[in-house]
C-alpha atoms as a PDB file:
ATOM      1  CA  GLN A   1       0.000   0.000   0.000  1.00  0.00           C
ATOM      2  CA  LEU A   2       1.305   3.442  -0.939  1.00  0.00           C
ATOM      3  CA  GLN A   3       2.208   5.640   2.007  1.00  0.00           C
ATOM      4  CA  PRO A   4       1.440   9.384   2.234  1.00  0.00           C
ATOM      5  CA  ILE A   5       4.288  11.520   0.915  1.00  0.00           C
ATOM      6  CA  ARG A   6       5.540  14.546   2.831  1.00  0.00           C
ATOM      7  CA  ARG A   7       5.255  17.672   0.702  1.00  0.00           C
ATOM      8  CA  ARG A   8       8.492  19.603   0.173  1.00  0.00           C
ATOM      9  CA  ARG A   9       9.187  23.009  -1.301  1.00  0.00           C
ATOM     10  CA  CYS A  10      10.646  22.870  -4.811  1.00  0.00           C
ATOM     11  CA  LYS A  11      14.315  23.734  -5.067  1.00  0.00           C
ATOM     12  CA  ARG A  12      16.629  24.082  -8.026  1.00  0.00           C
ATOM     13  CA  ARG A  13      18.073  20.644  -8.640  1.00  0.00           C
ATOM     14  CA  SER A  14      21.795  20.164  -8.096  1.00  0.00           C
ATOM     15  CA  PRO A  15      23.786  17.560 -10.127  1.00  0.00           C
ATOM     16  CA  SER A  16      23.609  15.162  -7.173  1.00  0.00           C
ATOM     17  CA  ILE A  17      19.803  15.477  -7.061  1.00  0.00           C
ATOM     18  CA  ASN A  18      19.615  14.892 -10.809  1.00  0.00           C
ATOM     19  CA  ASN A  19      21.695  11.728 -10.359  1.00  0.00           C
ATOM     20  CA  CYS A  20      19.313  10.674  -7.579  1.00  0.00           C
ATOM     21  CA  MET A  21      16.349  11.229  -9.911  1.00  0.00           C
ATOM     22  CA  LEU A  22      18.002   9.053 -12.562  1.00  0.00           C
ATOM     23  CA  SER A  23      18.487   6.396  -9.895  1.00  0.00           C
ATOM     24  CA  GLU A  24      14.794   6.592  -8.935  1.00  0.00           C
ATOM     25  CA  GLU A  25      13.790   6.412 -12.583  1.00  0.00           C
ATOM     26  CA  LYS A  26      15.900   3.266 -12.992  1.00  0.00           C
ATOM     27  CA  LYS A  27      14.232   1.701  -9.949  1.00  0.00           C
ATOM     28  CA  LEU A  28      10.800   2.314 -11.464  1.00  0.00           C
ATOM     29  CA  ILE A  29      11.872   1.005 -14.877  1.00  0.00           C
ATOM     30  CA  ASP A  30      13.363  -2.138 -13.339  1.00  0.00           C
ATOM     31  CA  TYR A  31      10.211  -2.676 -11.265  1.00  0.00           C
ATOM     32  CA  VAL A  32       7.880  -2.336 -14.248  1.00  0.00           C
ATOM     33  CA  ARG A  33      10.116  -4.628 -16.302  1.00  0.00           C
ATOM     34  CA  SER A  34      10.012  -7.289 -13.566  1.00  0.00           C
ATOM     35  CA  GLU A  35       6.229  -6.978 -13.212  1.00  0.00           C
ATOM     36  CA  CYS A  36       5.789  -7.419 -16.954  1.00  0.00           C
ATOM     37  CA  LYS A  37       8.019 -10.498 -16.907  1.00  0.00           C
ATOM     38  CA  GLU A  38       6.057 -11.974 -14.004  1.00  0.00           C
ATOM     39  CA  HIS A  39       2.724 -11.537 -15.791  1.00  0.00           C
ATOM     40  CA  GLY A  40       3.874 -12.520 -19.277  1.00  0.00           C
ATOM     41  CA  ILE A  41       3.655  -9.011 -20.749  1.00  0.00           C
ATOM     42  CA  ARG A  42       6.083  -7.952 -23.497  1.00  0.00           C
ATOM     43  CA  PHE A  43       8.024  -4.877 -22.279  1.00  0.00           C
ATOM     44  CA  VAL A  44       9.461  -2.490 -24.880  1.00  0.00           C
ATOM     45  CA  LEU A  45      11.271   0.838 -24.501  1.00  0.00           C
ATOM     46  CA  SER A  46      11.413   2.221 -28.045  1.00  0.00           C
ATOM     47  CA  ASN A  47      14.070   4.765 -29.090  1.00  0.00           C
ATOM     48  CA  HIS A  48      11.515   6.902 -30.925  1.00  0.00           C
ATOM     49  CA  GLN A  49       9.315   9.932 -30.191  1.00  0.00           C
ATOM     50  CA  ALA A  50       6.135   7.896 -30.754  1.00  0.00           C
ATOM     51  CA  VAL A  51       5.058   4.289 -31.258  1.00  0.00           C
ATOM     52  CA  ASN A  52       2.426   2.748 -33.492  1.00  0.00           C
ATOM     53  CA  THR A  53      -0.546   1.378 -31.578  1.00  0.00           C
ATOM     54  CA  GLY A  54      -1.709  -0.658 -34.580  1.00  0.00           C
ATOM     55  CA  GLU A  55      -4.992   1.242 -34.816  1.00  0.00           C
ATOM     56  CA  ARG A  56      -4.173   4.127 -37.181  1.00  0.00           C
ATOM     57  CA  CYS A  57      -2.763   6.015 -34.234  1.00  0.00           C
ATOM     58  CA  ARG A  58       0.654   6.949 -32.830  1.00  0.00           C
ATOM     59  CA  ALA A  59       1.205   7.569 -29.146  1.00  0.00           C
ATOM     60  CA  SER A  60       3.944   8.070 -26.561  1.00  0.00           C
ATOM     61  CA  GLY A  61       3.063   4.660 -25.115  1.00  0.00           C
ATOM     62  CA  TYR A  62       0.388   2.006 -24.749  1.00  0.00           C
ATOM     63  CA  PHE A  63      -0.666  -1.115 -22.863  1.00  0.00           C
ATOM     64  CA  ASP A  64      -2.836  -3.633 -24.719  1.00  0.00           C
ATOM     65  CA  GLU A  65      -2.901  -6.619 -22.318  1.00  0.00           C
ATOM     66  CA  THR A  66      -0.091  -8.362 -24.227  1.00  0.00           C
ATOM     67  CA  SER A  67       2.506  -5.570 -24.464  1.00  0.00           C
ATOM     68  CA  LEU A  68       3.599  -2.456 -22.568  1.00  0.00           C
ATOM     69  CA  VAL A  69       5.390  -0.128 -24.975  1.00  0.00           C
ATOM     70  CA  VAL A  70       6.834   3.345 -24.347  1.00  0.00           C
ATOM     71  CA  ALA A  71       8.635   5.790 -26.662  1.00  0.00           C
ATOM     72  CA  LYS A  72      11.806   6.873 -24.804  1.00  0.00           C
ATOM     73  CA  LYS A  73      12.249  10.036 -26.879  1.00  0.00           C
ATOM     74  CA  SER A  74       8.768  11.323 -26.069  1.00  0.00           C
ATOM     75  CA  SER A  75       8.220  14.124 -23.578  1.00  0.00           C
ATOM     76  CA  LYS A  76       7.875  12.914 -19.959  1.00  0.00           C
ATOM     77  CA  TRP A  77       8.416   9.313 -21.043  1.00  0.00           C
ATOM     78  CA  VAL A  78       9.008   8.037 -17.483  1.00  0.00           C
ATOM     79  CA  GLN A  79       5.584   9.404 -16.502  1.00  0.00           C
ATOM     80  CA  THR A  80       4.153   7.668 -19.570  1.00  0.00           C
ATOM     81  CA  LEU A  81       5.793   4.432 -18.395  1.00  0.00           C
ATOM     82  CA  ALA A  82       4.154   4.832 -14.972  1.00  0.00           C
ATOM     83  CA  HIS A  83       0.807   5.601 -16.623  1.00  0.00           C
ATOM     84  CA  GLU A  84       0.865   2.515 -18.851  1.00  0.00           C
ATOM     85  CA  TYR A  85       1.948   0.351 -15.925  1.00  0.00           C
ATOM     86  CA  CYS A  86      -1.067   1.640 -13.984  1.00  0.00           C
ATOM     87  CA  HIS A  87      -3.274   0.529 -16.886  1.00  0.00           C
ATOM     88  CA  MET A  88      -1.672  -2.881 -16.473  1.00  0.00           C
ATOM     89  CA  CYS A  89      -2.576  -2.780 -12.772  1.00  0.00           C
ATOM     90  CA  GLN A  90      -6.176  -1.899 -13.646  1.00  0.00           C
ATOM     91  CA  TRP A  91      -6.286  -4.920 -15.951  1.00  0.00           C
ATOM     92  CA  LEU A  92      -4.712  -7.297 -13.415  1.00  0.00           C
ATOM     93  CA  GLU A  93      -7.090  -6.121 -10.665  1.00  0.00           C
ATOM     94  CA  GLY A  94     -10.186  -6.282 -12.857  1.00  0.00           C
ATOM     95  CA  GLU A  95     -10.859  -2.603 -12.127  1.00  0.00           C
ATOM     96  CA  PRO A  96     -14.546  -1.968 -13.036  1.00  0.00           C
ATOM     97  CA  LYS A  97     -13.689   1.276 -14.840  1.00  0.00           C
ATOM     98  CA  TYR A  98     -11.166  -0.616 -16.977  1.00  0.00           C
ATOM     99  CA  ILE A  99     -13.408  -3.530 -17.929  1.00  0.00           C
ATOM    100  CA  ALA A 100     -16.543  -1.397 -18.491  1.00  0.00           C
ATOM    101  CA  LYS A 101     -18.405  -1.903 -21.772  1.00  0.00           C
ATOM    102  CA  THR A 102     -20.519   0.366 -23.934  1.00  0.00           C
ATOM    103  CA  GLU A 103     -24.277  -0.136 -24.289  1.00  0.00           C
ATOM    104  CA  ASP A 104     -23.692  -2.608 -27.125  1.00  0.00           C
ATOM    105  CA  GLY A 105     -21.151  -4.608 -25.067  1.00  0.00           C
ATOM    106  CA  ARG A 106     -18.014  -3.335 -26.802  1.00  0.00           C
ATOM    107  CA  CYS A 107     -14.732  -1.913 -25.507  1.00  0.00           C
ATOM    108  CA  PRO A 108     -15.203   1.855 -25.011  1.00  0.00           C
ATOM    109  CA  CYS A 109     -11.660   2.608 -26.199  1.00  0.00           C
ATOM    110  CA  MET A 110     -12.271   0.917 -29.547  1.00  0.00           C
ATOM    111  CA  VAL A 111     -15.685   2.526 -30.019  1.00  0.00           C
ATOM    112  CA  PHE A 112     -14.240   5.959 -29.270  1.00  0.00           C
ATOM    113  CA  LEU A 113     -11.198   5.427 -31.486  1.00  0.00           C
ATOM    114  CA  GLU A 114     -13.379   4.313 -34.405  1.00  0.00           C
ATOM    115  CA  TRP A 115     -15.619   7.379 -33.950  1.00  0.00           C
ATOM    116  CA  VAL A 116     -12.690   9.807 -34.059  1.00  0.00           C
ATOM    117  CA  ASN A 117     -11.181   7.985 -37.040  1.00  0.00           C
ATOM    118  CA  GLY A 118     -14.498   8.158 -38.910  1.00  0.00           C
ATOM    119  CA  ILE A 119     -15.126   4.406 -39.004  1.00  0.00           C
ATOM    120  CA  HIS A 120     -18.645   4.620 -37.539  1.00  0.00           C
ATOM    121  CA  ASP A 121     -21.192   7.418 -37.069  1.00  0.00           C
ATOM    122  CA  ASP A 122     -23.147   6.362 -33.965  1.00  0.00           C
ATOM    123  CA  LYS A 123     -22.750   9.586 -31.991  1.00  0.00           C
ATOM    124  CA  ASP A 124     -24.721   8.469 -28.933  1.00  0.00           C
ATOM    125  CA  LEU A 125     -22.667   5.286 -28.633  1.00  0.00           C
ATOM    126  CA  ALA A 126     -19.442   7.259 -29.100  1.00  0.00           C
ATOM    127  CA  PHE A 127     -20.463   9.742 -26.404  1.00  0.00           C
ATOM    128  CA  ASP A 128     -21.143   6.909 -23.966  1.00  0.00           C
ATOM    129  CA  ALA A 129     -17.754   5.419 -24.876  1.00  0.00           C
ATOM    130  CA  MET A 130     -15.959   8.745 -24.415  1.00  0.00           C
ATOM    131  CA  LYS A 131     -17.273   9.197 -20.875  1.00  0.00           C
ATOM    132  CA  LYS A 132     -16.254   5.648 -19.931  1.00  0.00           C
ATOM    133  CA  VAL A 133     -12.784   6.144 -21.433  1.00  0.00           C
ATOM    134  CA  ILE A 134     -12.258   9.384 -19.489  1.00  0.00           C
ATOM    135  CA  GLU A 135     -13.420   7.784 -16.242  1.00  0.00           C
ATOM    136  CA  MET A 136     -10.994   4.907 -16.749  1.00  0.00           C
ATOM    137  CA  GLU A 137      -8.142   7.278 -17.645  1.00  0.00           C
ATOM    138  CA  ARG A 138      -8.896   9.491 -14.628  1.00  0.00           C
ATOM    139  CA  ASP A 139      -8.548   6.478 -12.331  1.00  0.00           C
ATOM    140  CA  CYS A 140      -5.249   5.686 -14.075  1.00  0.00           C
ATOM    141  CA  GLU A 141      -3.928   9.234 -13.632  1.00  0.00           C
ATOM    142  CA  ILE A 142      -4.693   9.147  -9.905  1.00  0.00           C
ATOM    143  CA  ARG A 143      -2.839   5.822  -9.618  1.00  0.00           C
ATOM    144  CA  THR A 144       0.064   7.225 -11.644  1.00  0.00           C
ATOM    145  CA  GLU A 145       0.484  10.220  -9.362  1.00  0.00           C
ATOM    146  CA  LYS A 146       0.684   7.936  -6.316  1.00  0.00           C
ATOM    147  CA  LEU A 147       3.198   5.666  -8.034  1.00  0.00           C
ATOM    148  CA  LEU A 148       5.444   8.562  -9.076  1.00  0.00           C
ATOM    149  CA  GLN A 149       5.359   9.936  -5.522  1.00  0.00           C
ATOM    150  CA  GLU A 150       6.228   6.528  -4.106  1.00  0.00           C
ATOM    151  CA  TYR A 151       9.345   6.454  -6.305  1.00  0.00           C
ATOM    152  CA  GLY A 152      10.314  10.042  -5.491  1.00  0.00           C
ATOM    153  CA  LEU A 153       9.601  11.261  -9.022  1.00  0.00           C
ATOM    154  CA  LEU A 154       7.127  13.914  -7.859  1.00  0.00           C
ATOM    155  CA  GLN A 155       8.909  15.585  -4.967  1.00  0.00           C
ATOM    156  CA  CYS A 156       7.040  18.787  -4.140  1.00  0.00           C
ATOM    157  CA  GLN A 157       3.648  20.422  -4.546  1.00  0.00           C
ATOM    158  CA  ASN A 158       4.690  22.382  -7.638  1.00  0.00           C
ATOM    159  CA  GLU A 159       5.678  19.163  -9.403  1.00  0.00           C
ATOM    160  CA  ILE A 160       2.437  17.518  -8.311  1.00  0.00           C
ATOM    161  CA  ASN A 161       0.431  20.490  -9.600  1.00  0.00           C
ATOM    162  CA  THR A 162       2.255  20.365 -12.948  1.00  0.00           C
ATOM    163  CA  PHE A 163       1.466  16.662 -13.238  1.00  0.00           C
ATOM    164  CA  ARG A 164      -2.212  17.253 -12.472  1.00  0.00           C
ATOM    165  CA  VAL A 165      -2.463  20.091 -14.991  1.00  0.00           C
ATOM    166  CA  ARG A 166      -1.100  17.863 -17.773  1.00  0.00           C
ATOM    167  CA  ALA A 167      -3.235  14.928 -16.682  1.00  0.00           C
ATOM    168  CA  ASN A 168      -6.446  16.949 -16.599  1.00  0.00           C
ATOM    169  CA  ALA A 169      -5.670  18.531 -19.972  1.00  0.00           C
ATOM    170  CA  TYR A 170      -5.287  15.017 -21.376  1.00  0.00           C
ATOM    171  CA  LEU A 171      -8.611  13.953 -19.880  1.00  0.00           C
ATOM    172  CA  TYR A 172     -10.439  16.996 -21.249  1.00  0.00           C
ATOM    173  CA  SER A 173      -8.833  16.529 -24.673  1.00  0.00           C
ATOM    174  CA  HIS A 174     -11.203  13.602 -25.220  1.00  0.00           C
ATOM    175  CA  TRP A 175     -14.080  16.088 -25.485  1.00  0.00           C
ATOM    176  CA  VAL A 176     -12.313  17.884 -28.327  1.00  0.00           C
ATOM    177  CA  SER A 177     -11.490  14.608 -30.057  1.00  0.00           C
ATOM    178  CA  PHE A 178     -15.150  13.615 -29.771  1.00  0.00           C
ATOM    179  CA  GLN A 179     -16.545  16.892 -31.139  1.00  0.00           C
ATOM    180  CA  GLU A 180     -13.905  17.623 -33.781  1.00  0.00           C
ATOM    181  CA  LYS A 181     -12.833  14.081 -34.714  1.00  0.00           C
ATOM    182  CA  ARG A 182      -9.110  14.711 -34.375  1.00  0.00           C
ATOM    183  CA  TRP A 183      -6.311  13.589 -32.093  1.00  0.00           C
ATOM    184  CA  PRO A 184      -3.871  15.877 -30.228  1.00  0.00           C
ATOM    185  CA  LYS A 185      -0.764  16.857 -32.182  1.00  0.00           C
ATOM    186  CA  ALA A 186       2.727  15.945 -31.003  1.00  0.00           C
ATOM    187  CA  ARG A 187       3.965  17.771 -27.870  1.00  0.00           C
ATOM    188  CA  TRP A 188       0.724  19.736 -27.595  1.00  0.00           C
ATOM    189  CA  SER A 189       0.889  19.480 -23.808  1.00  0.00           C
ATOM    190  CA  THR A 190       3.825  21.935 -23.771  1.00  0.00           C
ATOM    191  CA  LEU A 191       1.308  24.643 -24.750  1.00  0.00           C
ATOM    192  CA  ILE A 192      -1.037  24.107 -21.797  1.00  0.00           C
ATOM    193  CA  ASP A 193      -1.781  27.229 -19.755  1.00  0.00           C
ATOM    194  CA  PRO A 194      -1.604  26.051 -16.099  1.00  0.00           C
ATOM    195  CA  GLU A 195      -4.122  28.706 -15.111  1.00  0.00           C
ATOM    196  CA  MET A 196      -6.734  27.117 -17.364  1.00  0.00           C
ATOM    197  CA  MET A 197      -6.590  23.646 -15.823  1.00  0.00           C
ATOM    198  CA  PRO A 198      -7.640  22.266 -12.421  1.00  0.00           C
ATOM    199  CA  LYS A 199      -4.757  21.378 -10.107  1.00  0.00           C
ATOM    200  CA  THR A 200      -6.785  18.663  -8.395  1.00  0.00           C
ATOM    201  CA  PHE A 201      -8.492  15.423  -9.371  1.00  0.00           C
ATOM    202  CA  ARG A 202     -11.701  16.503  -7.663  1.00  0.00           C
ATOM    203  CA  CYS A 203     -12.913  17.759 -11.053  1.00  0.00           C
ATOM    204  CA  LYS A 204     -15.007  15.276 -13.049  1.00  0.00           C
ATOM    205  CA  PRO A 205     -14.042  15.482 -16.726  1.00  0.00           C
ATOM    206  CA  HIS A 206     -15.959  12.264 -17.424  1.00  0.00           C
ATOM    207  CA  GLU A 207     -19.167  14.169 -16.630  1.00  0.00           C
ATOM    208  CA  LYS A 208     -18.698  17.601 -18.197  1.00  0.00           C
ATOM    209  CA  CYS A 209     -16.251  20.030 -19.798  1.00  0.00           C
ATOM    210  CA  SER A 210     -16.643  23.786 -19.411  1.00  0.00           C
ATOM    211  CA  ALA A 211     -16.615  26.018 -22.505  1.00  0.00           C
ATOM    212  CA  ARG A 212     -13.518  27.793 -21.147  1.00  0.00           C
ATOM    213  CA  ILE A 213     -11.487  24.586 -20.843  1.00  0.00           C
ATOM    214  CA  TYR A 214     -12.798  23.212 -24.141  1.00  0.00           C
ATOM    215  CA  GLN A 215     -11.780  26.329 -26.056  1.00  0.00           C
ATOM    216  CA  HIS A 216      -8.270  26.304 -24.587  1.00  0.00           C
ATOM    217  CA  VAL A 217      -7.669  22.603 -25.254  1.00  0.00           C
ATOM    218  CA  SER A 218      -9.130  22.861 -28.768  1.00  0.00           C
ATOM    219  CA  LYS A 219      -6.795  25.763 -29.564  1.00  0.00           C
ATOM    220  CA  ILE A 220      -3.588  24.033 -28.484  1.00  0.00           C
ATOM    221  CA  MET A 221      -4.216  20.454 -29.648  1.00  0.00           C
END
């Protein structure tokens, strides 16, 4: 069980602290690699900025219940590794948000992906799928934050806030993808205005998206 982390004030990192961070990153990588081996999951760290998911989509990483793949040259790739590992944990635990189905009994991720890619035109089904996908991803982001804190990779409140801003922007981006049938462009998260995003997971992006947040995310992605 993850223990509460004491909040510390952010300081400029010295070389020794950077070396410590690299050490903590290695511990997390080694742990995820060992967990994948134990559960028969193929583990791949790709030396590219993005990886092919096999579904007309490129991403910084993915977990598909047979493989956990992360692009090492993508932005924040260690956080992506933690995120995909937390999807693996959802799968292993049988997390209800992860195994949820749409009204027609299909995987919400596939229904949503096919909607955005123009493969089907059932808007009501796609909307139901979108909300289920966001709820599942929100649970994963909360798990990821705890995991990164456990490994000392989020060390102060400013770093935690930055993580939450990026995570919430990602969650809200699903609304734009649903309405405009397009995926975020590469490195779009570097354009996020921190003042436009919640710095807490108390918000419920799986239920609604304000016009203010939608407009900002639509503009930058």
